[in-house]
């Protein structure tokens, strides 16, 4: 019963979805103020989800079963991630061996779910979006994994989230070291791509391919994808806080650190144009991979 509560209520689905939807409102509000607009009320994202739940689900002719299944796979994997991360923050000693590796695997599933769902819709614009998403994943996963490897080396080979947190409690946050700072820069840009924020929003690109990967989705499946994105907006900053800023994880400091990361990604989103997919690949396989590799080397040398 406790496990079910953790998965569905706190720190799992309900808690993470609410925080993610509120974070999405902050994103929309700040963006609106930058553009001299008023912006939506705080409850707008909740209304959007409820409204979608009441809409008809239209399945394209000839679409495969994976078209309907893929939204749920992405959301379920993220709920599991939020449960693991939340319990690790609250009770670091209860983390299990290799939970960091499990989280890395689970964080890839939402992108795979979008690719599979879009490819199953038999829409040419969705297929273009799926192709872009696939290339983007191949681009950012390498530097992202290398940045995590740098933290593992910095934490004396720990692959348990609880051990990484304990190391930071004893020796200070990983961010305040040469290897940690480089890995943090890489992780920020990789997080931007995982969230599908500008300049890495090529898979959806409303001005080019309408909604891209989501063009054929409506009703409940579209609401699930929107919830997945909201939960991811909660999960990714929390993951980076645990890896790089884990010395003090009292509720107040977690909120302050989360808002700091949220402001950073919103500023990046509002001060950059959308990249082409080839530019994104060159960016991630070039400077980002170089910085991540340098972080790994420095971490191995003890810096």
C-alpha atoms as a PDB file:
ATOM      1  CA  UNK A   1       0.000   0.000   0.000  1.00  0.00           C
ATOM      2  CA  UNK A   2       2.843   2.381   0.850  1.00  0.00           C
ATOM      3  CA  UNK A   3       4.545   1.608  -2.458  1.00  0.00           C
ATOM      4  CA  UNK A   4       1.311   2.342  -4.328  1.00  0.00           C
ATOM      5  CA  UNK A   5       0.950   5.640  -2.439  1.00  0.00           C
ATOM      6  CA  UNK A   6       4.536   6.602  -3.314  1.00  0.00           C
ATOM      7  CA  UNK A   7       3.979   5.792  -6.981  1.00  0.00           C
ATOM      8  CA  UNK A   8       0.550   7.404  -7.464  1.00  0.00           C
ATOM      9  CA  UNK A   9       0.482  10.263  -4.929  1.00  0.00           C
ATOM     10  CA  UNK A  10       3.768  11.381  -3.335  1.00  0.00           C
ATOM     11  CA  UNK A  11       6.460  11.673  -4.569  1.00  0.00           C
ATOM     12  CA  UNK A  12       5.054  10.039  -7.698  1.00  0.00           C
ATOM     13  CA  UNK A  13       2.363  10.938 -10.206  1.00  0.00           C
ATOM     14  CA  UNK A  14       0.015  13.422  -8.509  1.00  0.00           C
ATOM     15  CA  UNK A  15       2.730  15.471  -6.799  1.00  0.00           C
ATOM     16  CA  UNK A  16       5.082  15.591  -9.794  1.00  0.00           C
ATOM     17  CA  UNK A  17       2.264  16.377 -12.248  1.00  0.00           C
ATOM     18  CA  UNK A  18       1.043  19.307 -10.126  1.00  0.00           C
ATOM     19  CA  UNK A  19       4.555  20.721  -9.707  1.00  0.00           C
ATOM     20  CA  UNK A  20       5.250  20.241 -13.421  1.00  0.00           C
ATOM     21  CA  UNK A  21       2.038  21.987 -14.482  1.00  0.00           C
ATOM     22  CA  UNK A  22       2.785  24.919 -12.171  1.00  0.00           C
ATOM     23  CA  UNK A  23       6.344  25.065 -13.541  1.00  0.00           C
ATOM     24  CA  UNK A  24       4.852  25.106 -17.034  1.00  0.00           C
ATOM     25  CA  UNK A  25       2.715  28.069 -15.986  1.00  0.00           C
ATOM     26  CA  UNK A  26       5.840  29.887 -14.724  1.00  0.00           C
ATOM     27  CA  UNK A  27       7.442  29.238 -18.114  1.00  0.00           C
ATOM     28  CA  UNK A  28       4.413  30.623 -19.965  1.00  0.00           C
ATOM     29  CA  UNK A  29       4.082  33.597 -17.612  1.00  0.00           C
ATOM     30  CA  UNK A  30       7.745  34.625 -17.815  1.00  0.00           C
ATOM     31  CA  UNK A  31       7.713  34.179 -21.594  1.00  0.00           C
ATOM     32  CA  UNK A  32       4.603  36.345 -21.820  1.00  0.00           C
ATOM     33  CA  UNK A  33       6.137  39.118 -19.717  1.00  0.00           C
ATOM     34  CA  UNK A  34       9.285  39.077 -21.864  1.00  0.00           C
ATOM     35  CA  UNK A  35       7.032  39.521 -24.912  1.00  0.00           C
ATOM     36  CA  UNK A  36       4.999  42.282 -23.194  1.00  0.00           C
ATOM     37  CA  UNK A  37       1.918  40.082 -22.789  1.00  0.00           C
ATOM     38  CA  UNK A  38      -0.108  39.356 -19.663  1.00  0.00           C
ATOM     39  CA  UNK A  39       0.129  35.576 -19.782  1.00  0.00           C
ATOM     40  CA  UNK A  40      -2.281  32.902 -18.503  1.00  0.00           C
ATOM     41  CA  UNK A  41      -3.567  32.434 -14.918  1.00  0.00           C
ATOM     42  CA  UNK A  42      -1.797  29.872 -12.718  1.00  0.00           C
ATOM     43  CA  UNK A  43      -4.506  27.243 -13.231  1.00  0.00           C
ATOM     44  CA  UNK A  44      -4.520  27.432 -17.045  1.00  0.00           C
ATOM     45  CA  UNK A  45      -2.460  24.265 -17.592  1.00  0.00           C
ATOM     46  CA  UNK A  46      -4.778  22.303 -15.296  1.00  0.00           C
ATOM     47  CA  UNK A  47      -7.784  23.538 -17.286  1.00  0.00           C
ATOM     48  CA  UNK A  48      -6.093  22.545 -20.553  1.00  0.00           C
ATOM     49  CA  UNK A  49      -5.558  18.986 -19.310  1.00  0.00           C
ATOM     50  CA  UNK A  50      -9.139  18.656 -18.033  1.00  0.00           C
ATOM     51  CA  UNK A  51     -10.457  20.035 -21.318  1.00  0.00           C
ATOM     52  CA  UNK A  52      -8.453  17.507 -23.332  1.00  0.00           C
ATOM     53  CA  UNK A  53      -9.782  14.670 -21.164  1.00  0.00           C
ATOM     54  CA  UNK A  54     -13.285  15.578 -22.308  1.00  0.00           C
ATOM     55  CA  UNK A  55     -12.421  15.651 -26.006  1.00  0.00           C
ATOM     56  CA  UNK A  56     -12.930  12.804 -28.450  1.00  0.00           C
ATOM     57  CA  UNK A  57      -9.933  10.613 -29.192  1.00  0.00           C
ATOM     58  CA  UNK A  58      -9.519  10.398 -32.961  1.00  0.00           C
ATOM     59  CA  UNK A  59      -7.354   7.563 -34.246  1.00  0.00           C
ATOM     60  CA  UNK A  60      -5.947   8.032 -37.770  1.00  0.00           C
ATOM     61  CA  UNK A  61      -6.970   5.460 -40.338  1.00  0.00           C
ATOM     62  CA  UNK A  62      -4.396   2.701 -40.543  1.00  0.00           C
ATOM     63  CA  UNK A  63      -2.647   3.709 -37.308  1.00  0.00           C
ATOM     64  CA  UNK A  64      -1.102   0.890 -35.302  1.00  0.00           C
ATOM     65  CA  UNK A  65      -1.897  -0.055 -31.696  1.00  0.00           C
ATOM     66  CA  UNK A  66       1.351   1.582 -30.594  1.00  0.00           C
ATOM     67  CA  UNK A  67      -0.229   4.938 -31.489  1.00  0.00           C
ATOM     68  CA  UNK A  68      -2.453   4.633 -28.396  1.00  0.00           C
ATOM     69  CA  UNK A  69      -0.029   2.739 -26.145  1.00  0.00           C
ATOM     70  CA  UNK A  70       3.046   4.963 -26.489  1.00  0.00           C
ATOM     71  CA  UNK A  71       1.728   7.977 -24.481  1.00  0.00           C
ATOM     72  CA  UNK A  72       1.156   5.747 -21.445  1.00  0.00           C
ATOM     73  CA  UNK A  73       4.615   4.157 -21.684  1.00  0.00           C
ATOM     74  CA  UNK A  74       6.291   7.558 -21.544  1.00  0.00           C
ATOM     75  CA  UNK A  75       4.246   8.748 -18.572  1.00  0.00           C
ATOM     76  CA  UNK A  76       4.572   5.511 -16.575  1.00  0.00           C
ATOM     77  CA  UNK A  77       8.358   5.522 -16.961  1.00  0.00           C
ATOM     78  CA  UNK A  78       8.592   9.116 -15.728  1.00  0.00           C
ATOM     79  CA  UNK A  79       6.353   8.423 -12.738  1.00  0.00           C
ATOM     80  CA  UNK A  80       8.759   5.644 -11.765  1.00  0.00           C
ATOM     81  CA  UNK A  81      11.672   8.095 -12.089  1.00  0.00           C
ATOM     82  CA  UNK A  82       9.961  10.674  -9.864  1.00  0.00           C
ATOM     83  CA  UNK A  83       9.278   7.984  -7.268  1.00  0.00           C
ATOM     84  CA  UNK A  84      12.923   6.867  -7.243  1.00  0.00           C
ATOM     85  CA  UNK A  85      14.292  10.421  -7.093  1.00  0.00           C
ATOM     86  CA  UNK A  86      11.784  11.563  -4.478  1.00  0.00           C
ATOM     87  CA  UNK A  87      12.467   8.635  -2.153  1.00  0.00           C
ATOM     88  CA  UNK A  88      16.225   9.111  -2.615  1.00  0.00           C
ATOM     89  CA  UNK A  89      15.944  12.731  -1.493  1.00  0.00           C
ATOM     90  CA  UNK A  90      13.711  11.934   1.489  1.00  0.00           C
ATOM     91  CA  UNK A  91      15.449   8.685   2.523  1.00  0.00           C
ATOM     92  CA  UNK A  92      18.920   8.472   0.896  1.00  0.00           C
ATOM     93  CA  UNK A  93      19.739   5.266   2.793  1.00  0.00           C
ATOM     94  CA  UNK A  94      16.860   3.446   1.073  1.00  0.00           C
ATOM     95  CA  UNK A  95      18.250   3.917  -2.439  1.00  0.00           C
ATOM     96  CA  UNK A  96      19.091   0.655  -4.193  1.00  0.00           C
ATOM     97  CA  UNK A  97      22.186  -0.495  -6.050  1.00  0.00           C
ATOM     98  CA  UNK A  98      22.292   0.910  -9.577  1.00  0.00           C
ATOM     99  CA  UNK A  99      19.256   3.191  -9.232  1.00  0.00           C
ATOM    100  CA  UNK A 100      21.155   5.926 -11.100  1.00  0.00           C
ATOM    101  CA  UNK A 101      21.545   3.617 -14.112  1.00  0.00           C
ATOM    102  CA  UNK A 102      17.852   2.711 -13.936  1.00  0.00           C
ATOM    103  CA  UNK A 103      16.927   6.411 -13.946  1.00  0.00           C
ATOM    104  CA  UNK A 104      19.115   7.058 -17.002  1.00  0.00           C
ATOM    105  CA  UNK A 105      17.375   4.250 -18.896  1.00  0.00           C
ATOM    106  CA  UNK A 106      13.896   5.381 -17.849  1.00  0.00           C
ATOM    107  CA  UNK A 107      14.567   8.981 -18.913  1.00  0.00           C
ATOM    108  CA  UNK A 108      15.056   7.807 -22.504  1.00  0.00           C
ATOM    109  CA  UNK A 109      11.651   6.091 -22.716  1.00  0.00           C
ATOM    110  CA  UNK A 110       9.492   9.262 -23.115  1.00  0.00           C
ATOM    111  CA  UNK A 111      11.453  10.260 -26.226  1.00  0.00           C
ATOM    112  CA  UNK A 112      11.176   6.720 -27.605  1.00  0.00           C
ATOM    113  CA  UNK A 113       7.429   6.776 -26.881  1.00  0.00           C
ATOM    114  CA  UNK A 114       7.041   9.992 -28.886  1.00  0.00           C
ATOM    115  CA  UNK A 115       9.039   8.545 -31.782  1.00  0.00           C
ATOM    116  CA  UNK A 116       7.013   5.317 -31.844  1.00  0.00           C
ATOM    117  CA  UNK A 117       3.683   7.129 -31.501  1.00  0.00           C
ATOM    118  CA  UNK A 118       4.448   9.618 -34.260  1.00  0.00           C
ATOM    119  CA  UNK A 119       5.748   6.922 -36.598  1.00  0.00           C
ATOM    120  CA  UNK A 120       2.583   4.883 -35.975  1.00  0.00           C
ATOM    121  CA  UNK A 121       0.267   7.741 -36.990  1.00  0.00           C
ATOM    122  CA  UNK A 122       1.087   7.434 -40.708  1.00  0.00           C
ATOM    123  CA  UNK A 123       1.200  11.221 -41.026  1.00  0.00           C
ATOM    124  CA  UNK A 124       4.104  12.626 -43.108  1.00  0.00           C
ATOM    125  CA  UNK A 125       4.569  15.663 -40.824  1.00  0.00           C
ATOM    126  CA  UNK A 126       4.571  13.411 -37.761  1.00  0.00           C
ATOM    127  CA  UNK A 127       7.147  11.187 -39.463  1.00  0.00           C
ATOM    128  CA  UNK A 128       9.384  14.209 -40.035  1.00  0.00           C
ATOM    129  CA  UNK A 129       9.006  15.108 -36.365  1.00  0.00           C
ATOM    130  CA  UNK A 130       9.799  11.523 -35.323  1.00  0.00           C
ATOM    131  CA  UNK A 131      12.914  11.558 -37.497  1.00  0.00           C
ATOM    132  CA  UNK A 132      14.064  14.796 -35.887  1.00  0.00           C
ATOM    133  CA  UNK A 133      13.360  13.468 -32.396  1.00  0.00           C
ATOM    134  CA  UNK A 134      15.359  10.320 -33.122  1.00  0.00           C
ATOM    135  CA  UNK A 135      18.364  12.314 -34.358  1.00  0.00           C
ATOM    136  CA  UNK A 136      18.107  14.690 -31.416  1.00  0.00           C
ATOM    137  CA  UNK A 137      18.139  11.794 -28.933  1.00  0.00           C
ATOM    138  CA  UNK A 138      21.224  10.361 -30.624  1.00  0.00           C
ATOM    139  CA  UNK A 139      22.802  13.798 -30.350  1.00  0.00           C
ATOM    140  CA  UNK A 140      22.263  14.695 -26.694  1.00  0.00           C
ATOM    141  CA  UNK A 141      22.402  11.278 -25.007  1.00  0.00           C
ATOM    142  CA  UNK A 142      26.177  10.872 -25.435  1.00  0.00           C
ATOM    143  CA  UNK A 143      27.218  14.136 -23.722  1.00  0.00           C
ATOM    144  CA  UNK A 144      24.463  13.711 -21.119  1.00  0.00           C
ATOM    145  CA  UNK A 145      25.691  10.242 -20.147  1.00  0.00           C
ATOM    146  CA  UNK A 146      29.297  11.490 -20.076  1.00  0.00           C
ATOM    147  CA  UNK A 147      28.284  14.308 -17.720  1.00  0.00           C
ATOM    148  CA  UNK A 148      26.690  11.732 -15.400  1.00  0.00           C
ATOM    149  CA  UNK A 149      29.817   9.547 -15.650  1.00  0.00           C
ATOM    150  CA  UNK A 150      31.850  12.548 -14.470  1.00  0.00           C
ATOM    151  CA  UNK A 151      29.643  12.760 -11.371  1.00  0.00           C
ATOM    152  CA  UNK A 152      29.995   9.011 -10.786  1.00  0.00           C
ATOM    153  CA  UNK A 153      33.790   9.359 -10.862  1.00  0.00           C
ATOM    154  CA  UNK A 154      33.584  12.440  -8.660  1.00  0.00           C
ATOM    155  CA  UNK A 155      31.563  10.382  -6.157  1.00  0.00           C
ATOM    156  CA  UNK A 156      34.205   7.617  -6.048  1.00  0.00           C
ATOM    157  CA  UNK A 157      32.358   5.310  -8.438  1.00  0.00           C
ATOM    158  CA  UNK A 158      28.961   5.488  -6.724  1.00  0.00           C
ATOM    159  CA  UNK A 159      26.010   4.430  -8.881  1.00  0.00           C
ATOM    160  CA  UNK A 160      23.504   4.818  -6.052  1.00  0.00           C
ATOM    161  CA  UNK A 161      21.767   8.182  -5.803  1.00  0.00           C
ATOM    162  CA  UNK A 162      21.898   7.998  -1.997  1.00  0.00           C
ATOM    163  CA  UNK A 163      25.694   7.569  -2.057  1.00  0.00           C
ATOM    164  CA  UNK A 164      26.075  10.525  -4.439  1.00  0.00           C
ATOM    165  CA  UNK A 165      24.028  12.669  -2.057  1.00  0.00           C
ATOM    166  CA  UNK A 166      26.048  11.505   0.967  1.00  0.00           C
ATOM    167  CA  UNK A 167      29.293  12.318  -0.860  1.00  0.00           C
ATOM    168  CA  UNK A 168      28.084  15.874  -1.485  1.00  0.00           C
ATOM    169  CA  UNK A 169      26.947  16.273   2.125  1.00  0.00           C
ATOM    170  CA  UNK A 170      30.474  15.359   3.265  1.00  0.00           C
ATOM    171  CA  UNK A 171      32.573  17.070   0.563  1.00  0.00           C
ATOM    172  CA  UNK A 172      30.346  19.799  -0.881  1.00  0.00           C
ATOM    173  CA  UNK A 173      28.178  20.055  -3.993  1.00  0.00           C
ATOM    174  CA  UNK A 174      29.662  18.588  -7.162  1.00  0.00           C
ATOM    175  CA  UNK A 175      28.978  21.825  -9.045  1.00  0.00           C
ATOM    176  CA  UNK A 176      31.741  23.630  -7.167  1.00  0.00           C
ATOM    177  CA  UNK A 177      34.604  21.769  -8.827  1.00  0.00           C
ATOM    178  CA  UNK A 178      36.140  21.995 -12.292  1.00  0.00           C
ATOM    179  CA  UNK A 179      34.721  18.691 -13.493  1.00  0.00           C
ATOM    180  CA  UNK A 180      31.346  19.350 -11.870  1.00  0.00           C
ATOM    181  CA  UNK A 181      31.034  22.814 -13.423  1.00  0.00           C
ATOM    182  CA  UNK A 182      31.789  21.515 -16.932  1.00  0.00           C
ATOM    183  CA  UNK A 183      29.413  18.568 -16.512  1.00  0.00           C
ATOM    184  CA  UNK A 184      26.711  20.939 -15.218  1.00  0.00           C
ATOM    185  CA  UNK A 185      26.949  23.160 -18.309  1.00  0.00           C
ATOM    186  CA  UNK A 186      26.590  20.104 -20.539  1.00  0.00           C
ATOM    187  CA  UNK A 187      23.689  18.729 -18.489  1.00  0.00           C
ATOM    188  CA  UNK A 188      21.805  22.054 -18.713  1.00  0.00           C
ATOM    189  CA  UNK A 189      21.822  22.010 -22.520  1.00  0.00           C
ATOM    190  CA  UNK A 190      20.972  18.307 -22.622  1.00  0.00           C
ATOM    191  CA  UNK A 191      18.054  18.988 -20.272  1.00  0.00           C
ATOM    192  CA  UNK A 192      16.893  21.728 -22.639  1.00  0.00           C
ATOM    193  CA  UNK A 193      16.845  19.194 -25.476  1.00  0.00           C
ATOM    194  CA  UNK A 194      15.123  16.500 -23.411  1.00  0.00           C
ATOM    195  CA  UNK A 195      12.385  18.987 -22.528  1.00  0.00           C
ATOM    196  CA  UNK A 196      11.947  19.955 -26.182  1.00  0.00           C
ATOM    197  CA  UNK A 197      12.542  23.638 -25.406  1.00  0.00           C
ATOM    198  CA  UNK A 198      13.959  26.174 -27.859  1.00  0.00           C
ATOM    199  CA  UNK A 199      16.521  25.982 -29.404  1.00  0.00           C
ATOM    200  CA  UNK A 200      15.901  22.218 -29.530  1.00  0.00           C
ATOM    201  CA  UNK A 201      12.166  22.081 -30.301  1.00  0.00           C
ATOM    202  CA  UNK A 202      12.629  20.807 -33.870  1.00  0.00           C
ATOM    203  CA  UNK A 203      10.407  17.695 -33.431  1.00  0.00           C
ATOM    204  CA  UNK A 204       7.303  19.847 -32.814  1.00  0.00           C
ATOM    205  CA  UNK A 205       8.259  23.107 -34.599  1.00  0.00           C
ATOM    206  CA  UNK A 206       4.797  24.636 -35.009  1.00  0.00           C
ATOM    207  CA  UNK A 207       5.912  27.113 -37.694  1.00  0.00           C
ATOM    208  CA  UNK A 208       7.427  24.364 -39.859  1.00  0.00           C
ATOM    209  CA  UNK A 209       5.557  21.093 -39.331  1.00  0.00           C
ATOM    210  CA  UNK A 210       2.585  22.306 -37.256  1.00  0.00           C
ATOM    211  CA  UNK A 211       2.713  20.140 -34.113  1.00  0.00           C
ATOM    212  CA  UNK A 212       5.084  17.593 -35.644  1.00  0.00           C
ATOM    213  CA  UNK A 213       5.162  14.439 -33.552  1.00  0.00           C
ATOM    214  CA  UNK A 214       1.863  15.330 -31.839  1.00  0.00           C
ATOM    215  CA  UNK A 215      -0.081  16.432 -34.918  1.00  0.00           C
ATOM    216  CA  UNK A 216      -2.427  13.407 -34.994  1.00  0.00           C
ATOM    217  CA  UNK A 217      -3.033  13.198 -31.248  1.00  0.00           C
ATOM    218  CA  UNK A 218      -6.212  14.423 -29.573  1.00  0.00           C
ATOM    219  CA  UNK A 219      -8.274  13.837 -26.445  1.00  0.00           C
ATOM    220  CA  UNK A 220      -6.893  11.560 -23.736  1.00  0.00           C
ATOM    221  CA  UNK A 221      -3.652  10.490 -25.519  1.00  0.00           C
ATOM    222  CA  UNK A 222      -2.726  14.143 -26.140  1.00  0.00           C
ATOM    223  CA  UNK A 223      -3.492  14.941 -22.488  1.00  0.00           C
ATOM    224  CA  UNK A 224      -1.173  12.094 -21.450  1.00  0.00           C
ATOM    225  CA  UNK A 225       1.633  13.492 -23.617  1.00  0.00           C
ATOM    226  CA  UNK A 226       1.081  16.967 -22.117  1.00  0.00           C
ATOM    227  CA  UNK A 227       1.225  15.458 -18.619  1.00  0.00           C
ATOM    228  CA  UNK A 228       4.400  13.593 -19.564  1.00  0.00           C
ATOM    229  CA  UNK A 229       6.034  16.856 -20.600  1.00  0.00           C
ATOM    230  CA  UNK A 230       4.880  18.486 -17.343  1.00  0.00           C
ATOM    231  CA  UNK A 231       6.290  15.644 -15.225  1.00  0.00           C
ATOM    232  CA  UNK A 232       9.547  15.840 -17.200  1.00  0.00           C
ATOM    233  CA  UNK A 233       9.736  19.565 -16.409  1.00  0.00           C
ATOM    234  CA  UNK A 234       9.706  18.570 -12.736  1.00  0.00           C
ATOM    235  CA  UNK A 235      11.950  15.522 -13.066  1.00  0.00           C
ATOM    236  CA  UNK A 236      14.916  16.863 -15.048  1.00  0.00           C
ATOM    237  CA  UNK A 237      15.702  19.880 -12.820  1.00  0.00           C
ATOM    238  CA  UNK A 238      15.316  17.666  -9.726  1.00  0.00           C
ATOM    239  CA  UNK A 239      17.725  15.125 -11.229  1.00  0.00           C
ATOM    240  CA  UNK A 240      20.306  17.853 -11.865  1.00  0.00           C
ATOM    241  CA  UNK A 241      19.842  19.214  -8.340  1.00  0.00           C
ATOM    242  CA  UNK A 242      20.572  15.745  -6.935  1.00  0.00           C
ATOM    243  CA  UNK A 243      23.670  15.282  -9.102  1.00  0.00           C
ATOM    244  CA  UNK A 244      25.208  18.749  -8.852  1.00  0.00           C
ATOM    245  CA  UNK A 245      23.631  20.656  -5.945  1.00  0.00           C
ATOM    246  CA  UNK A 246      22.987  17.906  -3.428  1.00  0.00           C
ATOM    247  CA  UNK A 247      24.730  19.269  -0.329  1.00  0.00           C
ATOM    248  CA  UNK A 248      21.599  20.786   1.243  1.00  0.00           C
ATOM    249  CA  UNK A 249      18.273  19.263   0.212  1.00  0.00           C
ATOM    250  CA  UNK A 250      15.983  20.798   2.793  1.00  0.00           C
ATOM    251  CA  UNK A 251      12.578  21.700   1.277  1.00  0.00           C
ATOM    252  CA  UNK A 252      13.362  25.437   1.094  1.00  0.00           C
ATOM    253  CA  UNK A 253      16.692  24.933  -0.670  1.00  0.00           C
ATOM    254  CA  UNK A 254      15.215  22.394  -3.092  1.00  0.00           C
ATOM    255  CA  UNK A 255      12.556  24.951  -4.091  1.00  0.00           C
ATOM    256  CA  UNK A 256      15.152  27.719  -4.504  1.00  0.00           C
ATOM    257  CA  UNK A 257      17.465  25.511  -6.570  1.00  0.00           C
ATOM    258  CA  UNK A 258      14.550  24.285  -8.677  1.00  0.00           C
ATOM    259  CA  UNK A 259      13.427  27.851  -9.413  1.00  0.00           C
ATOM    260  CA  UNK A 260      17.022  28.780 -10.308  1.00  0.00           C
ATOM    261  CA  UNK A 261      17.268  25.956 -12.860  1.00  0.00           C
ATOM    262  CA  UNK A 262      13.797  26.770 -14.180  1.00  0.00           C
ATOM    263  CA  UNK A 263      14.796  30.408 -14.738  1.00  0.00           C
ATOM    264  CA  UNK A 264      17.963  29.308 -16.563  1.00  0.00           C
ATOM    265  CA  UNK A 265      16.121  27.077 -19.045  1.00  0.00           C
ATOM    266  CA  UNK A 266      13.383  29.698 -19.570  1.00  0.00           C
ATOM    267  CA  UNK A 267      16.026  32.335 -20.349  1.00  0.00           C
ATOM    268  CA  UNK A 268      17.761  29.991 -22.793  1.00  0.00           C
ATOM    269  CA  UNK A 269      14.391  29.286 -24.401  1.00  0.00           C
ATOM    270  CA  UNK A 270      13.537  32.968 -24.847  1.00  0.00           C
ATOM    271  CA  UNK A 271      16.917  34.241 -26.026  1.00  0.00           C
ATOM    272  CA  UNK A 272      17.733  31.728 -28.766  1.00  0.00           C
ATOM    273  CA  UNK A 273      16.317  30.853 -32.195  1.00  0.00           C
ATOM    274  CA  UNK A 274      15.416  27.298 -33.123  1.00  0.00           C
ATOM    275  CA  UNK A 275      18.364  25.346 -34.509  1.00  0.00           C
ATOM    276  CA  UNK A 276      18.223  23.071 -37.519  1.00  0.00           C
ATOM    277  CA  UNK A 277      18.617  19.406 -36.664  1.00  0.00           C
ATOM    278  CA  UNK A 278      22.085  19.266 -38.278  1.00  0.00           C
ATOM    279  CA  UNK A 279      23.171  22.287 -36.214  1.00  0.00           C
ATOM    280  CA  UNK A 280      21.898  20.608 -33.043  1.00  0.00           C
ATOM    281  CA  UNK A 281      23.827  17.423 -33.823  1.00  0.00           C
ATOM    282  CA  UNK A 282      27.023  19.374 -34.472  1.00  0.00           C
ATOM    283  CA  UNK A 283      26.484  21.256 -31.211  1.00  0.00           C
ATOM    284  CA  UNK A 284      26.027  18.113 -29.105  1.00  0.00           C
ATOM    285  CA  UNK A 285      28.627  15.942 -30.847  1.00  0.00           C
ATOM    286  CA  UNK A 286      31.110  18.834 -30.951  1.00  0.00           C
ATOM    287  CA  UNK A 287      31.461  21.307 -28.067  1.00  0.00           C
ATOM    288  CA  UNK A 288      29.139  19.488 -25.653  1.00  0.00           C
ATOM    289  CA  UNK A 289      30.815  16.100 -26.073  1.00  0.00           C
ATOM    290  CA  UNK A 290      34.229  17.787 -25.798  1.00  0.00           C
ATOM    291  CA  UNK A 291      33.241  19.521 -22.538  1.00  0.00           C
ATOM    292  CA  UNK A 292      31.684  16.327 -21.169  1.00  0.00           C
ATOM    293  CA  UNK A 293      34.811  14.351 -22.062  1.00  0.00           C
ATOM    294  CA  UNK A 294      36.973  16.981 -20.373  1.00  0.00           C
ATOM    295  CA  UNK A 295      34.754  16.739 -17.279  1.00  0.00           C
ATOM    296  CA  UNK A 296      35.226  12.960 -17.183  1.00  0.00           C
ATOM    297  CA  UNK A 297      39.022  13.317 -17.452  1.00  0.00           C
ATOM    298  CA  UNK A 298      39.154  16.006 -14.765  1.00  0.00           C
ATOM    299  CA  UNK A 299      36.909  13.944 -12.476  1.00  0.00           C
ATOM    300  CA  UNK A 300      39.187  10.950 -12.985  1.00  0.00           C
ATOM    301  CA  UNK A 301      42.151  13.126 -11.966  1.00  0.00           C
ATOM    302  CA  UNK A 302      40.328  14.282  -8.849  1.00  0.00           C
ATOM    303  CA  UNK A 303      39.436  17.807  -9.929  1.00  0.00           C
END
